[in-house]
Each structure stands twice: as C-alpha cells, then as structure tokens.
Amino acid sequence: MKNEHRKEERFTDTGRVDAQELCVLPGVLDDISASGCRIHFPVPVKVDMENDYSIKMKIPRKEFLLPFSLLCRPRWITNSENRSNIGFSFLCSPGTPLLLRYIDFLKAASKKEADSLFD
C-alpha cells in the first residue's frame, strides 16, 4: 500500500460536482481536504492544466443542503476510455467558508467514528 504524505487530512466522501466548463455530465467527489479534492467523471474529459475551473459541489447531507462554489486548479488527470479522474487544488473562493465548515464536520465525524471503535 502506498503511503502518502499530505499537508491536509483527506476524507473519503461523496457528492455531486458540476463543472460545466469541463463536462456537461456531473462528476462525483471521491475525496476531499481543505486544500483540494479528487473528482471522477463518467466520460473522458479534456483539461487545460493552465486554466482554473469553477465547480459547484452538492453534498448529500442535511447539514449542507446548499451547494457551494469553489475555484479550482487542476493538478493531475488520468483518463481511461470511459472515465476521468482529476485532482484539484482549491483557490480562494466565495465558497471557502462553507468548504472549511464541511471539512470540520468531516473531522468531527471521523473522530467520533474512531472513538466509537474503543467504546
């Protein structure tokens, strides 16, 4: 198993991601941190690595009913014949406060889950 060293803790979660500049079909959130995320699309996507992209994230949790908009920069992409995986870093955006609240929520849920293993 590959051991990754990252500045920010990553959380596996799912959500719908609309990135109209990249794909007419929605993407799916695979994991997220305060500094970036990994998204997959159900079709190959052409990405200009020099561009920044606006995404709208919709999280299926009652605490986060409203979607939030984030400005992202692509860091890497892998394409297959029926899928694209893209890693993005987040830039300062109007949705940053909601993103940070969401990350805090995931941290608390992760800690609660870990604590319950020892009860």
PDB file of N, CA and C in Angstrom:
ATOM      1  N   MET A   1       0.843  -1.179   0.000  1.00  0.00           N
ATOM      2  CA  MET A   1       0.000   0.000   0.000  1.00  0.00           C
ATOM      3  C   MET A   1       0.889   1.243   0.000  1.00  0.00           C
ATOM      4  N   LYS A   2       0.527   2.210  -0.822  1.00  0.00           N
ATOM      5  CA  LYS A   2       1.303   3.437  -0.933  1.00  0.00           C
ATOM      6  C   LYS A   2       0.961   4.362   0.226  1.00  0.00           C
ATOM      7  N   ASN A   3       1.984   4.875   0.884  1.00  0.00           N
ATOM      8  CA  ASN A   3       1.779   5.794   1.990  1.00  0.00           C
ATOM      9  C   ASN A   3       1.998   7.215   1.487  1.00  0.00           C
ATOM     10  N   GLU A   4       0.969   8.038   1.525  1.00  0.00           N
ATOM     11  CA  GLU A   4       1.065   9.402   1.021  1.00  0.00           C
ATOM     12  C   GLU A   4       1.279  10.368   2.176  1.00  0.00           C
ATOM     13  N   HIS A   5       2.103  11.368   1.943  1.00  0.00           N
ATOM     14  CA  HIS A   5       2.325  12.420   2.927  1.00  0.00           C
ATOM     15  C   HIS A   5       1.691  13.693   2.390  1.00  0.00           C
ATOM     16  N   ARG A   6       0.688  14.173   3.088  1.00  0.00           N
ATOM     17  CA  ARG A   6      -0.034  15.363   2.648  1.00  0.00           C
ATOM     18  C   ARG A   6      -0.077  16.374   3.778  1.00  0.00           C
ATOM     19  N   LYS A   7      -0.209  17.648   3.397  1.00  0.00           N
ATOM     20  CA  LYS A   7      -0.315  18.709   4.395  1.00  0.00           C
ATOM     21  C   LYS A   7      -1.646  18.628   5.133  1.00  0.00           C
ATOM     22  N   GLU A   8      -2.684  18.280   4.416  1.00  0.00           N
ATOM     23  CA  GLU A   8      -4.040  18.278   4.963  1.00  0.00           C
ATOM     24  C   GLU A   8      -4.583  16.857   5.035  1.00  0.00           C
ATOM     25  N   GLU A   9      -5.377  16.597   6.061  1.00  0.00           N
ATOM     26  CA  GLU A   9      -6.028  15.292   6.171  1.00  0.00           C
ATOM     27  C   GLU A   9      -7.093  15.175   5.083  1.00  0.00           C
ATOM     28  N   ARG A  10      -7.118  14.014   4.405  1.00  0.00           N
ATOM     29  CA  ARG A  10      -8.103  13.753   3.348  1.00  0.00           C
ATOM     30  C   ARG A  10      -9.227  12.904   3.906  1.00  0.00           C
ATOM     31  N   PHE A  11     -10.435  13.181   3.414  1.00  0.00           N
ATOM     32  CA  PHE A  11     -11.616  12.437   3.838  1.00  0.00           C
ATOM     33  C   PHE A  11     -12.300  11.841   2.620  1.00  0.00           C
ATOM     34  N   THR A  12     -12.634  10.571   2.709  1.00  0.00           N
ATOM     35  CA  THR A  12     -13.403   9.927   1.650  1.00  0.00           C
ATOM     36  C   THR A  12     -14.857  10.299   1.864  1.00  0.00           C
ATOM     37  N   ASP A  13     -15.442  10.920   0.880  1.00  0.00           N
ATOM     38  CA  ASP A  13     -16.854  11.279   0.946  1.00  0.00           C
ATOM     39  C   ASP A  13     -17.353  11.363  -0.486  1.00  0.00           C
ATOM     40  N   THR A  14     -18.642  11.456  -0.630  1.00  0.00           N
ATOM     41  CA  THR A  14     -19.213  11.501  -1.971  1.00  0.00           C
ATOM     42  C   THR A  14     -20.110  12.725  -2.109  1.00  0.00           C
ATOM     43  N   GLY A  15     -20.262  13.166  -3.309  1.00  0.00           N
ATOM     44  CA  GLY A  15     -21.123  14.304  -3.596  1.00  0.00           C
ATOM     45  C   GLY A  15     -21.142  14.548  -5.093  1.00  0.00           C
ATOM     46  N   ARG A  16     -22.092  15.325  -5.517  1.00  0.00           N
ATOM     47  CA  ARG A  16     -22.211  15.676  -6.939  1.00  0.00           C
ATOM     48  C   ARG A  16     -21.379  16.928  -7.196  1.00  0.00           C
ATOM     49  N   VAL A  17     -20.667  16.924  -8.310  1.00  0.00           N
ATOM     50  CA  VAL A  17     -19.846  18.073  -8.678  1.00  0.00           C
ATOM     51  C   VAL A  17     -20.216  18.505 -10.093  1.00  0.00           C
ATOM     52  N   ASP A  18     -20.702  19.726 -10.210  1.00  0.00           N
ATOM     53  CA  ASP A  18     -20.995  20.298 -11.520  1.00  0.00           C
ATOM     54  C   ASP A  18     -19.816  21.172 -11.930  1.00  0.00           C
ATOM     55  N   ALA A  19     -19.250  20.857 -13.087  1.00  0.00           N
ATOM     56  CA  ALA A  19     -18.128  21.615 -13.644  1.00  0.00           C
ATOM     57  C   ALA A  19     -18.415  21.814 -15.128  1.00  0.00           C
ATOM     58  N   GLN A  20     -19.318  22.729 -15.422  1.00  0.00           N
ATOM     59  CA  GLN A  20     -19.801  22.927 -16.788  1.00  0.00           C
ATOM     60  C   GLN A  20     -18.690  23.263 -17.777  1.00  0.00           C
ATOM     61  N   GLU A  21     -17.616  23.882 -17.314  1.00  0.00           N
ATOM     62  CA  GLU A  21     -16.504  24.212 -18.217  1.00  0.00           C
ATOM     63  C   GLU A  21     -15.751  22.953 -18.662  1.00  0.00           C
ATOM     64  N   LEU A  22     -15.892  21.885 -17.893  1.00  0.00           N
ATOM     65  CA  LEU A  22     -15.180  20.636 -18.188  1.00  0.00           C
ATOM     66  C   LEU A  22     -16.054  19.582 -18.843  1.00  0.00           C
ATOM     67  N   CYS A  23     -17.288  19.446 -18.350  1.00  0.00           N
ATOM     68  CA  CYS A  23     -18.126  18.327 -18.780  1.00  0.00           C
ATOM     69  C   CYS A  23     -19.594  18.658 -18.537  1.00  0.00           C
ATOM     70  N   VAL A  24     -20.457  18.305 -19.480  1.00  0.00           N
ATOM     71  CA  VAL A  24     -21.891  18.553 -19.294  1.00  0.00           C
ATOM     72  C   VAL A  24     -22.481  17.585 -18.274  1.00  0.00           C
ATOM     73  N   LEU A  25     -21.844  16.434 -18.098  1.00  0.00           N
ATOM     74  CA  LEU A  25     -22.292  15.472 -17.096  1.00  0.00           C
ATOM     75  C   LEU A  25     -21.674  15.814 -15.744  1.00  0.00           C
ATOM     76  N   PRO A  26     -22.399  15.564 -14.651  1.00  0.00           N
ATOM     77  CA  PRO A  26     -21.815  15.850 -13.339  1.00  0.00           C
ATOM     78  C   PRO A  26     -20.707  14.861 -13.003  1.00  0.00           C
ATOM     79  N   GLY A  27     -19.769  15.342 -12.210  1.00  0.00           N
ATOM     80  CA  GLY A  27     -18.725  14.483 -11.671  1.00  0.00           C
ATOM     81  C   GLY A  27     -19.116  14.013 -10.286  1.00  0.00           C
ATOM     82  N   VAL A  28     -18.310  13.115  -9.741  1.00  0.00           N
ATOM     83  CA  VAL A  28     -18.550  12.575  -8.404  1.00  0.00           C
ATOM     84  C   VAL A  28     -17.316  12.836  -7.544  1.00  0.00           C
ATOM     85  N   LEU A  29     -17.544  13.418  -6.377  1.00  0.00           N
ATOM     86  CA  LEU A  29     -16.478  13.646  -5.412  1.00  0.00           C
ATOM     87  C   LEU A  29     -16.019  12.308  -4.855  1.00  0.00           C
ATOM     88  N   ASP A  30     -14.703  12.054  -4.867  1.00  0.00           N
ATOM     89  CA  ASP A  30     -14.145  10.824  -4.298  1.00  0.00           C
ATOM     90  C   ASP A  30     -13.516  11.072  -2.934  1.00  0.00           C
ATOM     91  N   ASP A  31     -12.746  12.142  -2.823  1.00  0.00           N
ATOM     92  CA  ASP A  31     -12.197  12.522  -1.521  1.00  0.00           C
ATOM     93  C   ASP A  31     -11.915  14.015  -1.520  1.00  0.00           C
ATOM     94  N   ILE A  32     -11.725  14.547  -0.293  1.00  0.00           N
ATOM     95  CA  ILE A  32     -11.614  15.997  -0.155  1.00  0.00           C
ATOM     96  C   ILE A  32     -10.760  16.334   1.052  1.00  0.00           C
ATOM     97  N   SER A  33     -10.083  17.472   0.978  1.00  0.00           N
ATOM     98  CA  SER A  33      -9.362  18.048   2.108  1.00  0.00           C
ATOM     99  C   SER A  33      -9.595  19.554   2.053  1.00  0.00           C
ATOM    100  N   ALA A  34      -9.029  20.272   3.004  1.00  0.00           N
ATOM    101  CA  ALA A  34      -9.187  21.725   2.994  1.00  0.00           C
ATOM    102  C   ALA A  34      -8.463  22.365   1.813  1.00  0.00           C
ATOM    103  N   SER A  35      -7.513  21.647   1.226  1.00  0.00           N
ATOM    104  CA  SER A  35      -6.735  22.248   0.143  1.00  0.00           C
ATOM    105  C   SER A  35      -7.036  21.692  -1.247  1.00  0.00           C
ATOM    106  N   GLY A  36      -7.823  20.613  -1.339  1.00  0.00           N
ATOM    107  CA  GLY A  36      -8.108  20.061  -2.659  1.00  0.00           C
ATOM    108  C   GLY A  36      -9.035  18.866  -2.620  1.00  0.00           C
ATOM    109  N   CYS A  37      -9.276  18.288  -3.800  1.00  0.00           N
ATOM    110  CA  CYS A  37     -10.186  17.148  -3.890  1.00  0.00           C
ATOM    111  C   CYS A  37      -9.841  16.289  -5.099  1.00  0.00           C
ATOM    112  N   ARG A  38     -10.437  15.107  -5.115  1.00  0.00           N
ATOM    113  CA  ARG A  38     -10.338  14.209  -6.269  1.00  0.00           C
ATOM    114  C   ARG A  38     -11.758  13.959  -6.746  1.00  0.00           C
ATOM    115  N   ILE A  39     -11.968  14.152  -8.050  1.00  0.00           N
ATOM    116  CA  ILE A  39     -13.290  14.013  -8.663  1.00  0.00           C
ATOM    117  C   ILE A  39     -13.162  13.068  -9.843  1.00  0.00           C
ATOM    118  N   HIS A  40     -14.182  12.233 -10.055  1.00  0.00           N
ATOM    119  CA  HIS A  40     -14.186  11.450 -11.295  1.00  0.00           C
ATOM    120  C   HIS A  40     -15.424  11.805 -12.114  1.00  0.00           C
ATOM    121  N   PHE A  41     -15.247  11.737 -13.421  1.00  0.00           N
ATOM    122  CA  PHE A  41     -16.312  11.984 -14.386  1.00  0.00           C
ATOM    123  C   PHE A  41     -16.563  10.694 -15.152  1.00  0.00           C
ATOM    124  N   PRO A  42     -17.815  10.439 -15.564  1.00  0.00           N
ATOM    125  CA  PRO A  42     -18.156   9.166 -16.214  1.00  0.00           C
ATOM    126  C   PRO A  42     -17.722   9.069 -17.678  1.00  0.00           C
ATOM    127  N   VAL A  43     -17.015  10.065 -18.158  1.00  0.00           N
ATOM    128  CA  VAL A  43     -16.507  10.086 -19.538  1.00  0.00           C
ATOM    129  C   VAL A  43     -15.110  10.713 -19.517  1.00  0.00           C
ATOM    130  N   PRO A  44     -14.299  10.460 -20.536  1.00  0.00           N
ATOM    131  CA  PRO A  44     -13.013  11.155 -20.612  1.00  0.00           C
ATOM    132  C   PRO A  44     -13.231  12.663 -20.765  1.00  0.00           C
ATOM    133  N   VAL A  45     -12.429  13.439 -20.079  1.00  0.00           N
ATOM    134  CA  VAL A  45     -12.559  14.893 -20.066  1.00  0.00           C
ATOM    135  C   VAL A  45     -11.226  15.505 -20.492  1.00  0.00           C
ATOM    136  N   LYS A  46     -11.307  16.529 -21.327  1.00  0.00           N
ATOM    137  CA  LYS A  46     -10.096  17.252 -21.731  1.00  0.00           C
ATOM    138  C   LYS A  46      -9.915  18.427 -20.772  1.00  0.00           C
ATOM    139  N   VAL A  47      -8.756  18.482 -20.133  1.00  0.00           N
ATOM    140  CA  VAL A  47      -8.479  19.510 -19.135  1.00  0.00           C
ATOM    141  C   VAL A  47      -7.272  20.334 -19.575  1.00  0.00           C
ATOM    142  N   ASP A  48      -7.428  21.646 -19.558  1.00  0.00           N
ATOM    143  CA  ASP A  48      -6.294  22.538 -19.782  1.00  0.00           C
ATOM    144  C   ASP A  48      -5.663  22.786 -18.411  1.00  0.00           C
ATOM    145  N   MET A  49      -4.481  22.250 -18.192  1.00  0.00           N
ATOM    146  CA  MET A  49      -3.829  22.327 -16.885  1.00  0.00           C
ATOM    147  C   MET A  49      -3.433  23.759 -16.514  1.00  0.00           C
ATOM    148  N   GLU A  50      -3.493  24.682 -17.466  1.00  0.00           N
ATOM    149  CA  GLU A  50      -3.152  26.084 -17.199  1.00  0.00           C
ATOM    150  C   GLU A  50      -4.370  26.894 -16.748  1.00  0.00           C
ATOM    151  N   ASN A  51      -5.573  26.341 -16.897  1.00  0.00           N
ATOM    152  CA  ASN A  51      -6.801  27.059 -16.548  1.00  0.00           C
ATOM    153  C   ASN A  51      -7.239  26.762 -15.124  1.00  0.00           C
ATOM    154  N   ASP A  52      -7.970  27.708 -14.556  1.00  0.00           N
ATOM    155  CA  ASP A  52      -8.683  27.488 -13.303  1.00  0.00           C
ATOM    156  C   ASP A  52     -10.129  27.216 -13.673  1.00  0.00           C
ATOM    157  N   TYR A  53     -10.800  26.384 -12.881  1.00  0.00           N
ATOM    158  CA  TYR A  53     -12.168  25.988 -13.179  1.00  0.00           C
ATOM    159  C   TYR A  53     -13.064  26.249 -11.978  1.00  0.00           C
ATOM    160  N   SER A  54     -14.291  26.626 -12.284  1.00  0.00           N
ATOM    161  CA  SER A  54     -15.299  26.825 -11.254  1.00  0.00           C
ATOM    162  C   SER A  54     -16.117  25.546 -11.130  1.00  0.00           C
ATOM    163  N   ILE A  55     -16.251  25.049  -9.903  1.00  0.00           N
ATOM    164  CA  ILE A  55     -17.079  23.863  -9.669  1.00  0.00           C
ATOM    165  C   ILE A  55     -18.141  24.198  -8.633  1.00  0.00           C
ATOM    166  N   LYS A  56     -19.240  23.477  -8.709  1.00  0.00           N
ATOM    167  CA  LYS A  56     -20.304  23.612  -7.720  1.00  0.00           C
ATOM    168  C   LYS A  56     -20.471  22.242  -7.074  1.00  0.00           C
ATOM    169  N   MET A  57     -20.267  22.189  -5.773  1.00  0.00           N
ATOM    170  CA  MET A  57     -20.302  20.940  -5.035  1.00  0.00           C
ATOM    171  C   MET A  57     -21.617  20.823  -4.264  1.00  0.00           C
ATOM    172  N   LYS A  58     -22.276  19.673  -4.425  1.00  0.00           N
ATOM    173  CA  LYS A  58     -23.523  19.398  -3.706  1.00  0.00           C
ATOM    174  C   LYS A  58     -23.298  18.155  -2.853  1.00  0.00           C
ATOM    175  N   ILE A  59     -23.358  18.343  -1.548  1.00  0.00           N
ATOM    176  CA  ILE A  59     -23.085  17.266  -0.602  1.00  0.00           C
ATOM    177  C   ILE A  59     -24.417  16.711  -0.100  1.00  0.00           C
ATOM    178  N   PRO A  60     -24.624  15.397  -0.182  1.00  0.00           N
ATOM    179  CA  PRO A  60     -25.912  14.825   0.234  1.00  0.00           C
ATOM    180  C   PRO A  60     -26.005  14.620   1.749  1.00  0.00           C
ATOM    181  N   ARG A  61     -25.891  15.686   2.483  1.00  0.00           N
ATOM    182  CA  ARG A  61     -26.021  15.648   3.945  1.00  0.00           C
ATOM    183  C   ARG A  61     -26.948  16.778   4.362  1.00  0.00           C
ATOM    184  N   LYS A  62     -27.773  16.512   5.342  1.00  0.00           N
ATOM    185  CA  LYS A  62     -28.750  17.520   5.755  1.00  0.00           C
ATOM    186  C   LYS A  62     -28.092  18.790   6.286  1.00  0.00           C
ATOM    187  N   GLU A  63     -26.856  18.678   6.786  1.00  0.00           N
ATOM    188  CA  GLU A  63     -26.146  19.849   7.299  1.00  0.00           C
ATOM    189  C   GLU A  63     -25.641  20.760   6.178  1.00  0.00           C
ATOM    190  N   PHE A  64     -25.624  20.251   4.960  1.00  0.00           N
ATOM    191  CA  PHE A  64     -25.065  21.003   3.827  1.00  0.00           C
ATOM    192  C   PHE A  64     -25.995  20.926   2.625  1.00  0.00           C
ATOM    193  N   LEU A  65     -27.200  21.433   2.797  1.00  0.00           N
ATOM    194  CA  LEU A  65     -28.193  21.362   1.725  1.00  0.00           C
ATOM    195  C   LEU A  65     -27.863  22.289   0.555  1.00  0.00           C
ATOM    196  N   LEU A  66     -27.248  23.417   0.843  1.00  0.00           N
ATOM    197  CA  LEU A  66     -26.940  24.366  -0.225  1.00  0.00           C
ATOM    198  C   LEU A  66     -25.618  23.997  -0.894  1.00  0.00           C
ATOM    199  N   PRO A  67     -25.588  24.014  -2.226  1.00  0.00           N
ATOM    200  CA  PRO A  67     -24.318  23.756  -2.915  1.00  0.00           C
ATOM    201  C   PRO A  67     -23.355  24.919  -2.685  1.00  0.00           C
ATOM    202  N   PHE A  68     -22.067  24.631  -2.765  1.00  0.00           N
ATOM    203  CA  PHE A  68     -21.106  25.717  -2.658  1.00  0.00           C
ATOM    204  C   PHE A  68     -20.180  25.730  -3.865  1.00  0.00           C
ATOM    205  N   SER A  69     -19.816  26.953  -4.271  1.00  0.00           N
ATOM    206  CA  SER A  69     -18.992  27.157  -5.464  1.00  0.00           C
ATOM    207  C   SER A  69     -17.541  27.367  -5.060  1.00  0.00           C
ATOM    208  N   LEU A  70     -16.657  26.680  -5.784  1.00  0.00           N
ATOM    209  CA  LEU A  70     -15.228  26.773  -5.499  1.00  0.00           C
ATOM    210  C   LEU A  70     -14.455  26.985  -6.794  1.00  0.00           C
ATOM    211  N   LEU A  71     -13.411  27.757  -6.714  1.00  0.00           N
ATOM    212  CA  LEU A  71     -12.494  27.935  -7.829  1.00  0.00           C
ATOM    213  C   LEU A  71     -11.347  26.952  -7.620  1.00  0.00           C
ATOM    214  N   CYS A  72     -11.046  26.177  -8.662  1.00  0.00           N
ATOM    215  CA  CYS A  72     -10.068  25.093  -8.536  1.00  0.00           C
ATOM    216  C   CYS A  72      -9.034  25.159  -9.641  1.00  0.00           C
ATOM    217  N   ARG A  73      -7.876  24.597  -9.333  1.00  0.00           N
ATOM    218  CA  ARG A  73      -6.807  24.456 -10.328  1.00  0.00           C
ATOM    219  C   ARG A  73      -6.493  22.964 -10.461  1.00  0.00           C
ATOM    220  N   PRO A  74      -6.525  22.430 -11.681  1.00  0.00           N
ATOM    221  CA  PRO A  74      -6.194  21.012 -11.856  1.00  0.00           C
ATOM    222  C   PRO A  74      -4.720  20.760 -11.545  1.00  0.00           C
ATOM    223  N   ARG A  75      -4.451  19.650 -10.856  1.00  0.00           N
ATOM    224  CA  ARG A  75      -3.077  19.269 -10.511  1.00  0.00           C
ATOM    225  C   ARG A  75      -2.632  18.028 -11.275  1.00  0.00           C
ATOM    226  N   TRP A  76      -3.566  17.121 -11.526  1.00  0.00           N
ATOM    227  CA  TRP A  76      -3.255  15.902 -12.277  1.00  0.00           C
ATOM    228  C   TRP A  76      -4.546  15.360 -12.879  1.00  0.00           C
ATOM    229  N   ILE A  77      -4.406  14.528 -13.895  1.00  0.00           N
ATOM    230  CA  ILE A  77      -5.560  13.883 -14.525  1.00  0.00           C
ATOM    231  C   ILE A  77      -5.135  12.515 -15.037  1.00  0.00           C
ATOM    232  N   THR A  78      -6.030  11.550 -14.897  1.00  0.00           N
ATOM    233  CA  THR A  78      -5.858  10.246 -15.538  1.00  0.00           C
ATOM    234  C   THR A  78      -7.138   9.958 -16.306  1.00  0.00           C
ATOM    235  N   ASN A  79      -6.986   9.599 -17.570  1.00  0.00           N
ATOM    236  CA  ASN A  79      -8.123   9.277 -18.430  1.00  0.00           C
ATOM    237  C   ASN A  79      -8.070   7.812 -18.822  1.00  0.00           C
ATOM    238  N   SER A  80      -9.236   7.200 -18.874  1.00  0.00           N
ATOM    239  CA  SER A  80      -9.371   5.885 -19.491  1.00  0.00           C
ATOM    240  C   SER A  80     -10.440   6.044 -20.562  1.00  0.00           C
ATOM    241  N   GLU A  81     -10.807   4.964 -21.227  1.00  0.00           N
ATOM    242  CA  GLU A  81     -11.782   5.121 -22.313  1.00  0.00           C
ATOM    243  C   GLU A  81     -13.173   5.483 -21.813  1.00  0.00           C
ATOM    244  N   ASN A  82     -13.461   5.254 -20.524  1.00  0.00           N
ATOM    245  CA  ASN A  82     -14.810   5.555 -20.036  1.00  0.00           C
ATOM    246  C   ASN A  82     -14.823   6.356 -18.732  1.00  0.00           C
ATOM    247  N   ARG A  83     -13.713   7.040 -18.410  1.00  0.00           N
ATOM    248  CA  ARG A  83     -13.678   7.742 -17.132  1.00  0.00           C
ATOM    249  C   ARG A  83     -12.491   8.706 -17.082  1.00  0.00           C
ATOM    250  N   SER A  84     -12.654   9.781 -16.307  1.00  0.00           N
ATOM    251  CA  SER A  84     -11.547  10.695 -15.989  1.00  0.00           C
ATOM    252  C   SER A  84     -11.490  10.884 -14.485  1.00  0.00           C
ATOM    253  N   ASN A  85     -10.301  10.818 -13.930  1.00  0.00           N
ATOM    254  CA  ASN A  85     -10.053  11.162 -12.530  1.00  0.00           C
ATOM    255  C   ASN A  85      -9.201  12.419 -12.535  1.00  0.00           C
ATOM    256  N   ILE A  86      -9.628  13.416 -11.760  1.00  0.00           N
ATOM    257  CA  ILE A  86      -8.914  14.690 -11.747  1.00  0.00           C
ATOM    258  C   ILE A  86      -8.668  15.116 -10.306  1.00  0.00           C
ATOM    259  N   GLY A  87      -7.429  15.502 -10.030  1.00  0.00           N
ATOM    260  CA  GLY A  87      -7.089  16.080  -8.737  1.00  0.00           C
ATOM    261  C   GLY A  87      -7.049  17.594  -8.865  1.00  0.00           C
ATOM    262  N   PHE A  88      -7.732  18.279  -7.969  1.00  0.00           N
ATOM    263  CA  PHE A  88      -7.796  19.739  -7.981  1.00  0.00           C
ATOM    264  C   PHE A  88      -7.252  20.298  -6.674  1.00  0.00           C
ATOM    265  N   SER A  89      -6.645  21.470  -6.752  1.00  0.00           N
ATOM    266  CA  SER A  89      -6.358  22.243  -5.544  1.00  0.00           C
ATOM    267  C   SER A  89      -7.350  23.403  -5.519  1.00  0.00           C
ATOM    268  N   PHE A  90      -7.742  23.804  -4.321  1.00  0.00           N
ATOM    269  CA  PHE A  90      -8.709  24.881  -4.166  1.00  0.00           C
ATOM    270  C   PHE A  90      -8.000  26.225  -4.107  1.00  0.00           C
ATOM    271  N   LEU A  91      -8.608  27.212  -4.751  1.00  0.00           N
ATOM    272  CA  LEU A  91      -8.160  28.594  -4.678  1.00  0.00           C
ATOM    273  C   LEU A  91      -9.147  29.361  -3.803  1.00  0.00           C
ATOM    274  N   CYS A  92      -8.779  30.551  -3.381  1.00  0.00           N
ATOM    275  CA  CYS A  92      -9.682  31.357  -2.566  1.00  0.00           C
ATOM    276  C   CYS A  92     -10.966  31.614  -3.361  1.00  0.00           C
ATOM    277  N   SER A  93     -12.104  31.273  -2.758  1.00  0.00           N
ATOM    278  CA  SER A  93     -13.390  31.303  -3.454  1.00  0.00           C
ATOM    279  C   SER A  93     -14.489  31.792  -2.523  1.00  0.00           C
ATOM    280  N   PRO A  94     -15.626  32.214  -3.082  1.00  0.00           N
ATOM    281  CA  PRO A  94     -16.765  32.574  -2.240  1.00  0.00           C
ATOM    282  C   PRO A  94     -17.227  31.408  -1.356  1.00  0.00           C
ATOM    283  N   GLY A  95     -17.041  30.178  -1.826  1.00  0.00           N
ATOM    284  CA  GLY A  95     -17.488  29.010  -1.070  1.00  0.00           C
ATOM    285  C   GLY A  95     -16.486  28.487  -0.057  1.00  0.00           C
ATOM    286  N   THR A  96     -15.333  29.153   0.091  1.00  0.00           N
ATOM    287  CA  THR A  96     -14.306  28.662   1.019  1.00  0.00           C
ATOM    288  C   THR A  96     -14.813  28.528   2.455  1.00  0.00           C
ATOM    289  N   PRO A  97     -15.564  29.488   3.011  1.00  0.00           N
ATOM    290  CA  PRO A  97     -16.060  29.302   4.378  1.00  0.00           C
ATOM    291  C   PRO A  97     -16.937  28.046   4.526  1.00  0.00           C
ATOM    292  N   LEU A  98     -17.790  27.765   3.537  1.00  0.00           N
ATOM    293  CA  LEU A  98     -18.606  26.544   3.595  1.00  0.00           C
ATOM    294  C   LEU A  98     -17.738  25.298   3.469  1.00  0.00           C
ATOM    295  N   LEU A  99     -16.729  25.357   2.608  1.00  0.00           N
ATOM    296  CA  LEU A  99     -15.801  24.234   2.471  1.00  0.00           C
ATOM    297  C   LEU A  99     -15.141  23.935   3.811  1.00  0.00           C
ATOM    298  N   LEU A 100     -14.637  24.950   4.488  1.00  0.00           N
ATOM    299  CA  LEU A 100     -13.951  24.741   5.762  1.00  0.00           C
ATOM    300  C   LEU A 100     -14.903  24.217   6.830  1.00  0.00           C
ATOM    301  N   ARG A 101     -16.147  24.675   6.800  1.00  0.00           N
ATOM    302  CA  ARG A 101     -17.154  24.142   7.728  1.00  0.00           C
ATOM    303  C   ARG A 101     -17.412  22.661   7.442  1.00  0.00           C
ATOM    304  N   TYR A 102     -17.471  22.307   6.173  1.00  0.00           N
ATOM    305  CA  TYR A 102     -17.666  20.920   5.753  1.00  0.00           C
ATOM    306  C   TYR A 102     -16.489  20.048   6.196  1.00  0.00           C
ATOM    307  N   ILE A 103     -15.264  20.540   6.041  1.00  0.00           N
ATOM    308  CA  ILE A 103     -14.079  19.792   6.473  1.00  0.00           C
ATOM    309  C   ILE A 103     -14.109  19.598   7.990  1.00  0.00           C
ATOM    310  N   ASP A 104     -14.475  20.632   8.741  1.00  0.00           N
ATOM    311  CA  ASP A 104     -14.596  20.494  10.197  1.00  0.00           C
ATOM    312  C   ASP A 104     -15.639  19.443  10.558  1.00  0.00           C
ATOM    313  N   PHE A 105     -16.744  19.425   9.825  1.00  0.00           N
ATOM    314  CA  PHE A 105     -17.787  18.418  10.040  1.00  0.00           C
ATOM    315  C   PHE A 105     -17.226  17.014   9.809  1.00  0.00           C
ATOM    316  N   LEU A 106     -16.468  16.833   8.721  1.00  0.00           N
ATOM    317  CA  LEU A 106     -15.887  15.523   8.415  1.00  0.00           C
ATOM    318  C   LEU A 106     -14.857  15.107   9.463  1.00  0.00           C
ATOM    319  N   LYS A 107     -14.061  16.067   9.953  1.00  0.00           N
ATOM    320  CA  LYS A 107     -13.084  15.763  11.011  1.00  0.00           C
ATOM    321  C   LYS A 107     -13.792  15.281  12.267  1.00  0.00           C
ATOM    322  N   ALA A 108     -14.849  15.984  12.660  1.00  0.00           N
ATOM    323  CA  ALA A 108     -15.597  15.605  13.861  1.00  0.00           C
ATOM    324  C   ALA A 108     -16.238  14.233  13.687  1.00  0.00           C
ATOM    325  N   ALA A 109     -16.804  13.970  12.516  1.00  0.00           N
ATOM    326  CA  ALA A 109     -17.430  12.668  12.257  1.00  0.00           C
ATOM    327  C   ALA A 109     -16.389  11.557  12.271  1.00  0.00           C
ATOM    328  N   SER A 110     -15.216  11.831  11.733  1.00  0.00           N
ATOM    329  CA  SER A 110     -14.137  10.843  11.710  1.00  0.00           C
ATOM    330  C   SER A 110     -13.647  10.542  13.123  1.00  0.00           C
ATOM    331  N   LYS A 111     -13.502  11.580  13.941  1.00  0.00           N
ATOM    332  CA  LYS A 111     -13.067  11.401  15.329  1.00  0.00           C
ATOM    333  C   LYS A 111     -14.109  10.622  16.113  1.00  0.00           C
ATOM    334  N   LYS A 112     -15.377  10.956  15.905  1.00  0.00           N
ATOM    335  CA  LYS A 112     -16.458  10.261  16.603  1.00  0.00           C
ATOM    336  C   LYS A 112     -16.465   8.782  16.226  1.00  0.00           C
ATOM    337  N   GLU A 113     -16.259   8.493  14.943  1.00  0.00           N
ATOM    338  CA  GLU A 113     -16.219   7.106  14.480  1.00  0.00           C
ATOM    339  C   GLU A 113     -15.027   6.367  15.088  1.00  0.00           C
ATOM    340  N   ALA A 114     -13.866   7.023  15.138  1.00  0.00           N
ATOM    341  CA  ALA A 114     -12.671   6.401  15.725  1.00  0.00           C
ATOM    342  C   ALA A 114     -12.870   6.165  17.216  1.00  0.00           C
ATOM    343  N   ASP A 115     -13.474   7.126  17.916  1.00  0.00           N
ATOM    344  CA  ASP A 115     -13.721   6.966  19.351  1.00  0.00           C
ATOM    345  C   ASP A 115     -14.671   5.816  19.633  1.00  0.00           C
ATOM    346  N   SER A 116     -15.653   5.612  18.748  1.00  0.00           N
ATOM    347  CA  SER A 116     -16.632   4.543  18.973  1.00  0.00           C
ATOM    348  C   SER A 116     -16.001   3.160  18.821  1.00  0.00           C
ATOM    349  N   LEU A 117     -14.873   3.061  18.131  1.00  0.00           N
ATOM    350  CA  LEU A 117     -14.185   1.778  17.993  1.00  0.00           C
ATOM    351  C   LEU A 117     -13.612   1.301  19.319  1.00  0.00           C
ATOM    352  N   PHE A 118     -13.353   2.245  20.227  1.00  0.00           N
ATOM    353  CA  PHE A 118     -12.737   1.898  21.503  1.00  0.00           C
ATOM    354  C   PHE A 118     -13.730   1.881  22.652  1.00  0.00           C
ATOM    355  N   ASP A 119     -14.990   2.071  22.370  1.00  0.00           N
ATOM    356  CA  ASP A 119     -16.022   2.026  23.429  1.00  0.00           C
ATOM    357  C   ASP A 119     -16.470   0.612  23.694  1.00  0.00           C
TER     358      ASP A 119
END
